[in-house]
Amino acid sequence: MRSTGRRGWTVRCDLCEHTFAAAVASRAQAVAFAESTGWIVGERTWCPMCAAAHTARRTA
């Protein structure tokens, strides 16, 4: 996750490099916004599609 200055924050998936832009003031707000749309943000950052594929493999 990186700051884009006044425009907010950008989150990038560690697996597919899909990006998500959040026009919010703080990193905590960006994380909360990304997680509310299905992103997993932590040690690794995954977009909703990669997170779903990973979860499907673990439960199969």
PDB file of N, CA and C in Angstrom:
ATOM      1  N   MET A   1       0.847  -1.158   0.000  1.00  0.00           N
ATOM      2  CA  MET A   1       0.000   0.000   0.000  1.00  0.00           C
ATOM      3  C   MET A   1       0.898   1.228   0.000  1.00  0.00           C
ATOM      4  N   ARG A   2       0.527   2.201  -0.820  1.00  0.00           N
ATOM      5  CA  ARG A   2       1.329   3.417  -0.833  1.00  0.00           C
ATOM      6  C   ARG A   2       0.439   4.640  -0.963  1.00  0.00           C
ATOM      7  N   SER A   3       0.922   5.733  -0.423  1.00  0.00           N
ATOM      8  CA  SER A   3       0.212   6.997  -0.483  1.00  0.00           C
ATOM      9  C   SER A   3       0.369   7.604  -1.868  1.00  0.00           C
ATOM     10  N   THR A   4      -0.698   8.200  -2.362  1.00  0.00           N
ATOM     11  CA  THR A   4      -0.640   8.897  -3.638  1.00  0.00           C
ATOM     12  C   THR A   4      -0.723  10.407  -3.412  1.00  0.00           C
ATOM     13  N   GLY A   5      -0.296  10.834  -2.241  1.00  0.00           N
ATOM     14  CA  GLY A   5      -0.343  12.258  -1.920  1.00  0.00           C
ATOM     15  C   GLY A   5      -1.731  12.684  -1.514  1.00  0.00           C
ATOM     16  N   ARG A   6      -2.160  13.788  -2.046  1.00  0.00           N
ATOM     17  CA  ARG A   6      -3.478  14.321  -1.689  1.00  0.00           C
ATOM     18  C   ARG A   6      -4.628  13.492  -2.220  1.00  0.00           C
ATOM     19  N   ARG A   7      -4.339  12.643  -3.189  1.00  0.00           N
ATOM     20  CA  ARG A   7      -5.413  11.866  -3.814  1.00  0.00           C
ATOM     21  C   ARG A   7      -5.787  10.617  -3.044  1.00  0.00           C
ATOM     22  N   GLY A   8      -5.036  10.211  -2.040  1.00  0.00           N
ATOM     23  CA  GLY A   8      -5.402   9.042  -1.257  1.00  0.00           C
ATOM     24  C   GLY A   8      -4.343   7.969  -1.234  1.00  0.00           C
ATOM     25  N   TRP A   9      -4.789   6.715  -1.363  1.00  0.00           N
ATOM     26  CA  TRP A   9      -3.921   5.544  -1.226  1.00  0.00           C
ATOM     27  C   TRP A   9      -4.181   4.562  -2.347  1.00  0.00           C
ATOM     28  N   THR A  10      -3.150   3.819  -2.721  1.00  0.00           N
ATOM     29  CA  THR A  10      -3.275   2.768  -3.721  1.00  0.00           C
ATOM     30  C   THR A  10      -2.861   1.446  -3.098  1.00  0.00           C
ATOM     31  N   VAL A  11      -3.685   0.432  -3.306  1.00  0.00           N
ATOM     32  CA  VAL A  11      -3.420  -0.919  -2.823  1.00  0.00           C
ATOM     33  C   VAL A  11      -3.142  -1.773  -4.060  1.00  0.00           C
ATOM     34  N   ARG A  12      -2.116  -2.626  -4.020  1.00  0.00           N
ATOM     35  CA  ARG A  12      -1.794  -3.499  -5.155  1.00  0.00           C
ATOM     36  C   ARG A  12      -1.736  -4.945  -4.683  1.00  0.00           C
ATOM     37  N   CYS A  13      -2.368  -5.829  -5.427  1.00  0.00           N
ATOM     38  CA  CYS A  13      -2.372  -7.256  -5.122  1.00  0.00           C
ATOM     39  C   CYS A  13      -0.964  -7.817  -5.304  1.00  0.00           C
ATOM     40  N   ASP A  14      -0.517  -8.619  -4.346  1.00  0.00           N
ATOM     41  CA  ASP A  14       0.811  -9.228  -4.418  1.00  0.00           C
ATOM     42  C   ASP A  14       0.886 -10.349  -5.457  1.00  0.00           C
ATOM     43  N   LEU A  15      -0.247 -10.896  -5.850  1.00  0.00           N
ATOM     44  CA  LEU A  15      -0.235 -12.011  -6.790  1.00  0.00           C
ATOM     45  C   LEU A  15      -0.433 -11.575  -8.240  1.00  0.00           C
ATOM     46  N   CYS A  16      -1.432 -10.752  -8.504  1.00  0.00           N
ATOM     47  CA  CYS A  16      -1.740 -10.401  -9.892  1.00  0.00           C
ATOM     48  C   CYS A  16      -1.477  -8.933 -10.220  1.00  0.00           C
ATOM     49  N   GLU A  17      -1.105  -8.159  -9.245  1.00  0.00           N
ATOM     50  CA  GLU A  17      -0.809  -6.730  -9.384  1.00  0.00           C
ATOM     51  C   GLU A  17      -2.026  -5.892  -9.772  1.00  0.00           C
ATOM     52  N   HIS A  18      -3.233  -6.397  -9.535  1.00  0.00           N
ATOM     53  CA  HIS A  18      -4.454  -5.611  -9.679  1.00  0.00           C
ATOM     54  C   HIS A  18      -4.381  -4.488  -8.649  1.00  0.00           C
ATOM     55  N   THR A  19      -4.886  -3.307  -8.961  1.00  0.00           N
ATOM     56  CA  THR A  19      -4.800  -2.186  -8.032  1.00  0.00           C
ATOM     57  C   THR A  19      -6.171  -1.684  -7.621  1.00  0.00           C
ATOM     58  N   PHE A  20      -6.191  -1.011  -6.489  1.00  0.00           N
ATOM     59  CA  PHE A  20      -7.396  -0.414  -5.924  1.00  0.00           C
ATOM     60  C   PHE A  20      -7.001   0.946  -5.385  1.00  0.00           C
ATOM     61  N   ALA A  21      -7.694   1.989  -5.785  1.00  0.00           N
ATOM     62  CA  ALA A  21      -7.404   3.344  -5.313  1.00  0.00           C
ATOM     63  C   ALA A  21      -8.491   3.780  -4.341  1.00  0.00           C
ATOM     64  N   ALA A  22      -8.067   4.303  -3.217  1.00  0.00           N
ATOM     65  CA  ALA A  22      -8.993   4.784  -2.199  1.00  0.00           C
ATOM     66  C   ALA A  22      -8.728   6.263  -1.955  1.00  0.00           C
ATOM     67  N   ALA A  23      -9.721   7.090  -2.181  1.00  0.00           N
ATOM     68  CA  ALA A  23      -9.586   8.531  -1.983  1.00  0.00           C
ATOM     69  C   ALA A  23      -9.957   8.884  -0.546  1.00  0.00           C
ATOM     70  N   VAL A  24      -9.092   8.488   0.374  1.00  0.00           N
ATOM     71  CA  VAL A  24      -9.296   8.740   1.799  1.00  0.00           C
ATOM     72  C   VAL A  24      -8.029   9.354   2.376  1.00  0.00           C
ATOM     73  N   ALA A  25      -8.136   9.899   3.583  1.00  0.00           N
ATOM     74  CA  ALA A  25      -7.022  10.643   4.161  1.00  0.00           C
ATOM     75  C   ALA A  25      -5.946   9.772   4.804  1.00  0.00           C
ATOM     76  N   SER A  26      -6.332   8.685   5.454  1.00  0.00           N
ATOM     77  CA  SER A  26      -5.346   7.922   6.228  1.00  0.00           C
ATOM     78  C   SER A  26      -5.198   6.494   5.704  1.00  0.00           C
ATOM     79  N   ARG A  27      -4.075   5.891   6.081  1.00  0.00           N
ATOM     80  CA  ARG A  27      -3.814   4.498   5.706  1.00  0.00           C
ATOM     81  C   ARG A  27      -4.863   3.572   6.328  1.00  0.00           C
ATOM     82  N   ALA A  28      -5.219   3.835   7.576  1.00  0.00           N
ATOM     83  CA  ALA A  28      -6.222   3.003   8.256  1.00  0.00           C
ATOM     84  C   ALA A  28      -7.562   3.048   7.526  1.00  0.00           C
ATOM     85  N   GLN A  29      -7.950   4.217   7.043  1.00  0.00           N
ATOM     86  CA  GLN A  29      -9.194   4.341   6.286  1.00  0.00           C
ATOM     87  C   GLN A  29      -9.094   3.582   4.965  1.00  0.00           C
ATOM     88  N   ALA A  30      -7.943   3.642   4.326  1.00  0.00           N
ATOM     89  CA  ALA A  30      -7.742   2.927   3.061  1.00  0.00           C
ATOM     90  C   ALA A  30      -7.835   1.422   3.267  1.00  0.00           C
ATOM     91  N   VAL A  31      -7.223   0.921   4.345  1.00  0.00           N
ATOM     92  CA  VAL A  31      -7.290  -0.514   4.653  1.00  0.00           C
ATOM     93  C   VAL A  31      -8.737  -0.927   4.903  1.00  0.00           C
ATOM     94  N   ALA A  32      -9.462  -0.152   5.703  1.00  0.00           N
ATOM     95  CA  ALA A  32     -10.856  -0.476   6.009  1.00  0.00           C
ATOM     96  C   ALA A  32     -11.706  -0.470   4.735  1.00  0.00           C
ATOM     97  N   PHE A  33     -11.486   0.510   3.870  1.00  0.00           N
ATOM     98  CA  PHE A  33     -12.239   0.604   2.619  1.00  0.00           C
ATOM     99  C   PHE A  33     -11.926  -0.580   1.711  1.00  0.00           C
ATOM    100  N   ALA A  34     -10.657  -0.904   1.564  1.00  0.00           N
ATOM    101  CA  ALA A  34     -10.260  -2.038   0.723  1.00  0.00           C
ATOM    102  C   ALA A  34     -10.842  -3.343   1.260  1.00  0.00           C
ATOM    103  N   GLU A  35     -10.751  -3.554   2.566  1.00  0.00           N
ATOM    104  CA  GLU A  35     -11.290  -4.784   3.165  1.00  0.00           C
ATOM    105  C   GLU A  35     -12.807  -4.865   2.997  1.00  0.00           C
ATOM    106  N   SER A  36     -13.492  -3.728   3.016  1.00  0.00           N
ATOM    107  CA  SER A  36     -14.953  -3.745   2.850  1.00  0.00           C
ATOM    108  C   SER A  36     -15.360  -4.137   1.432  1.00  0.00           C
ATOM    109  N   THR A  37     -14.420  -4.056   0.489  1.00  0.00           N
ATOM    110  CA  THR A  37     -14.720  -4.444  -0.889  1.00  0.00           C
ATOM    111  C   THR A  37     -14.117  -5.800  -1.249  1.00  0.00           C
ATOM    112  N   GLY A  38     -13.637  -6.547  -0.250  1.00  0.00           N
ATOM    113  CA  GLY A  38     -13.178  -7.910  -0.481  1.00  0.00           C
ATOM    114  C   GLY A  38     -11.676  -8.109  -0.530  1.00  0.00           C
ATOM    115  N   TRP A  39     -10.901  -7.051  -0.387  1.00  0.00           N
ATOM    116  CA  TRP A  39      -9.439  -7.179  -0.378  1.00  0.00           C
ATOM    117  C   TRP A  39      -8.978  -7.749   0.950  1.00  0.00           C
ATOM    118  N   ILE A  40      -7.882  -8.498   0.920  1.00  0.00           N
ATOM    119  CA  ILE A  40      -7.226  -8.957   2.138  1.00  0.00           C
ATOM    120  C   ILE A  40      -5.940  -8.149   2.252  1.00  0.00           C
ATOM    121  N   VAL A  41      -5.822  -7.388   3.329  1.00  0.00           N
ATOM    122  CA  VAL A  41      -4.664  -6.514   3.530  1.00  0.00           C
ATOM    123  C   VAL A  41      -3.982  -6.932   4.821  1.00  0.00           C
ATOM    124  N   GLY A  42      -2.727  -7.302   4.716  1.00  0.00           N
ATOM    125  CA  GLY A  42      -1.951  -7.733   5.878  1.00  0.00           C
ATOM    126  C   GLY A  42      -0.516  -7.930   5.459  1.00  0.00           C
ATOM    127  N   GLU A  43       0.084  -9.038   5.907  1.00  0.00           N
ATOM    128  CA  GLU A  43       1.443  -9.350   5.464  1.00  0.00           C
ATOM    129  C   GLU A  43       1.488  -9.451   3.953  1.00  0.00           C
ATOM    130  N   ARG A  44       0.467 -10.059   3.395  1.00  0.00           N
ATOM    131  CA  ARG A  44       0.280 -10.125   1.945  1.00  0.00           C
ATOM    132  C   ARG A  44      -1.011  -9.418   1.612  1.00  0.00           C
ATOM    133  N   THR A  45      -1.050  -8.799   0.450  1.00  0.00           N
ATOM    134  CA  THR A  45      -2.251  -8.102   0.009  1.00  0.00           C
ATOM    135  C   THR A  45      -2.789  -8.823  -1.215  1.00  0.00           C
ATOM    136  N   TRP A  46      -4.069  -9.209  -1.133  1.00  0.00           N
ATOM    137  CA  TRP A  46      -4.699  -9.945  -2.218  1.00  0.00           C
ATOM    138  C   TRP A  46      -5.984  -9.249  -2.630  1.00  0.00           C
ATOM    139  N   CYS A  47      -6.198  -9.180  -3.958  1.00  0.00           N
ATOM    140  CA  CYS A  47      -7.453  -8.650  -4.482  1.00  0.00           C
ATOM    141  C   CYS A  47      -8.562  -9.680  -4.221  1.00  0.00           C
ATOM    142  N   PRO A  48      -9.809  -9.299  -4.380  1.00  0.00           N
ATOM    143  CA  PRO A  48     -10.901 -10.245  -4.125  1.00  0.00           C
ATOM    144  C   PRO A  48     -10.820 -11.532  -4.954  1.00  0.00           C
ATOM    145  N   MET A  49     -10.400 -11.440  -6.214  1.00  0.00           N
ATOM    146  CA  MET A  49     -10.330 -12.641  -7.059  1.00  0.00           C
ATOM    147  C   MET A  49      -9.240 -13.591  -6.582  1.00  0.00           C
ATOM    148  N   CYS A  50      -8.061 -13.073  -6.261  1.00  0.00           N
ATOM    149  CA  CYS A  50      -6.976 -13.931  -5.776  1.00  0.00           C
ATOM    150  C   CYS A  50      -7.314 -14.505  -4.406  1.00  0.00           C
ATOM    151  N   ALA A  51      -7.961 -13.702  -3.570  1.00  0.00           N
ATOM    152  CA  ALA A  51      -8.366 -14.182  -2.246  1.00  0.00           C
ATOM    153  C   ALA A  51      -9.382 -15.318  -2.380  1.00  0.00           C
ATOM    154  N   ALA A  52     -10.326 -15.180  -3.304  1.00  0.00           N
ATOM    155  CA  ALA A  52     -11.334 -16.222  -3.510  1.00  0.00           C
ATOM    156  C   ALA A  52     -10.680 -17.503  -4.042  1.00  0.00           C
ATOM    157  N   ALA A  53      -9.743 -17.365  -4.968  1.00  0.00           N
ATOM    158  CA  ALA A  53      -9.068 -18.532  -5.516  1.00  0.00           C
ATOM    159  C   ALA A  53      -8.246 -19.235  -4.438  1.00  0.00           C
ATOM    160  N   HIS A  54      -7.580 -18.475  -3.592  1.00  0.00           N
ATOM    161  CA  HIS A  54      -6.794 -19.052  -2.518  1.00  0.00           C
ATOM    162  C   HIS A  54      -7.693 -19.777  -1.520  1.00  0.00           C
ATOM    163  N   THR A  55      -8.797 -19.174  -1.166  1.00  0.00           N
ATOM    164  CA  THR A  55      -9.732 -19.783  -0.215  1.00  0.00           C
ATOM    165  C   THR A  55     -10.326 -21.054  -0.804  1.00  0.00           C
ATOM    166  N   ALA A  56     -10.645 -21.038  -2.105  1.00  0.00           N
ATOM    167  CA  ALA A  56     -11.225 -22.226  -2.753  1.00  0.00           C
ATOM    168  C   ALA A  56     -10.234 -23.384  -2.752  1.00  0.00           C
ATOM    169  N   ARG A  57      -8.956 -23.097  -2.967  1.00  0.00           N
ATOM    170  CA  ARG A  57      -7.939 -24.150  -2.964  1.00  0.00           C
ATOM    171  C   ARG A  57      -7.762 -24.733  -1.566  1.00  0.00           C
ATOM    172  N   ARG A  58      -7.876 -23.900  -0.538  1.00  0.00           N
ATOM    173  CA  ARG A  58      -7.658 -24.369   0.828  1.00  0.00           C
ATOM    174  C   ARG A  58      -8.806 -25.235   1.312  1.00  0.00           C
ATOM    175  N   THR A  59     -10.021 -25.007   0.791  1.00  0.00           N
ATOM    176  CA  THR A  59     -11.182 -25.763   1.272  1.00  0.00           C
ATOM    177  C   THR A  59     -11.505 -26.951   0.388  1.00  0.00           C
ATOM    178  N   ALA A  60     -10.831 -27.082  -0.740  1.00  0.00           N
ATOM    179  CA  ALA A  60     -11.133 -28.197  -1.664  1.00  0.00           C
ATOM    180  C   ALA A  60     -10.494 -29.486  -1.197  1.00  0.00           C
TER     181      ALA A  60
END
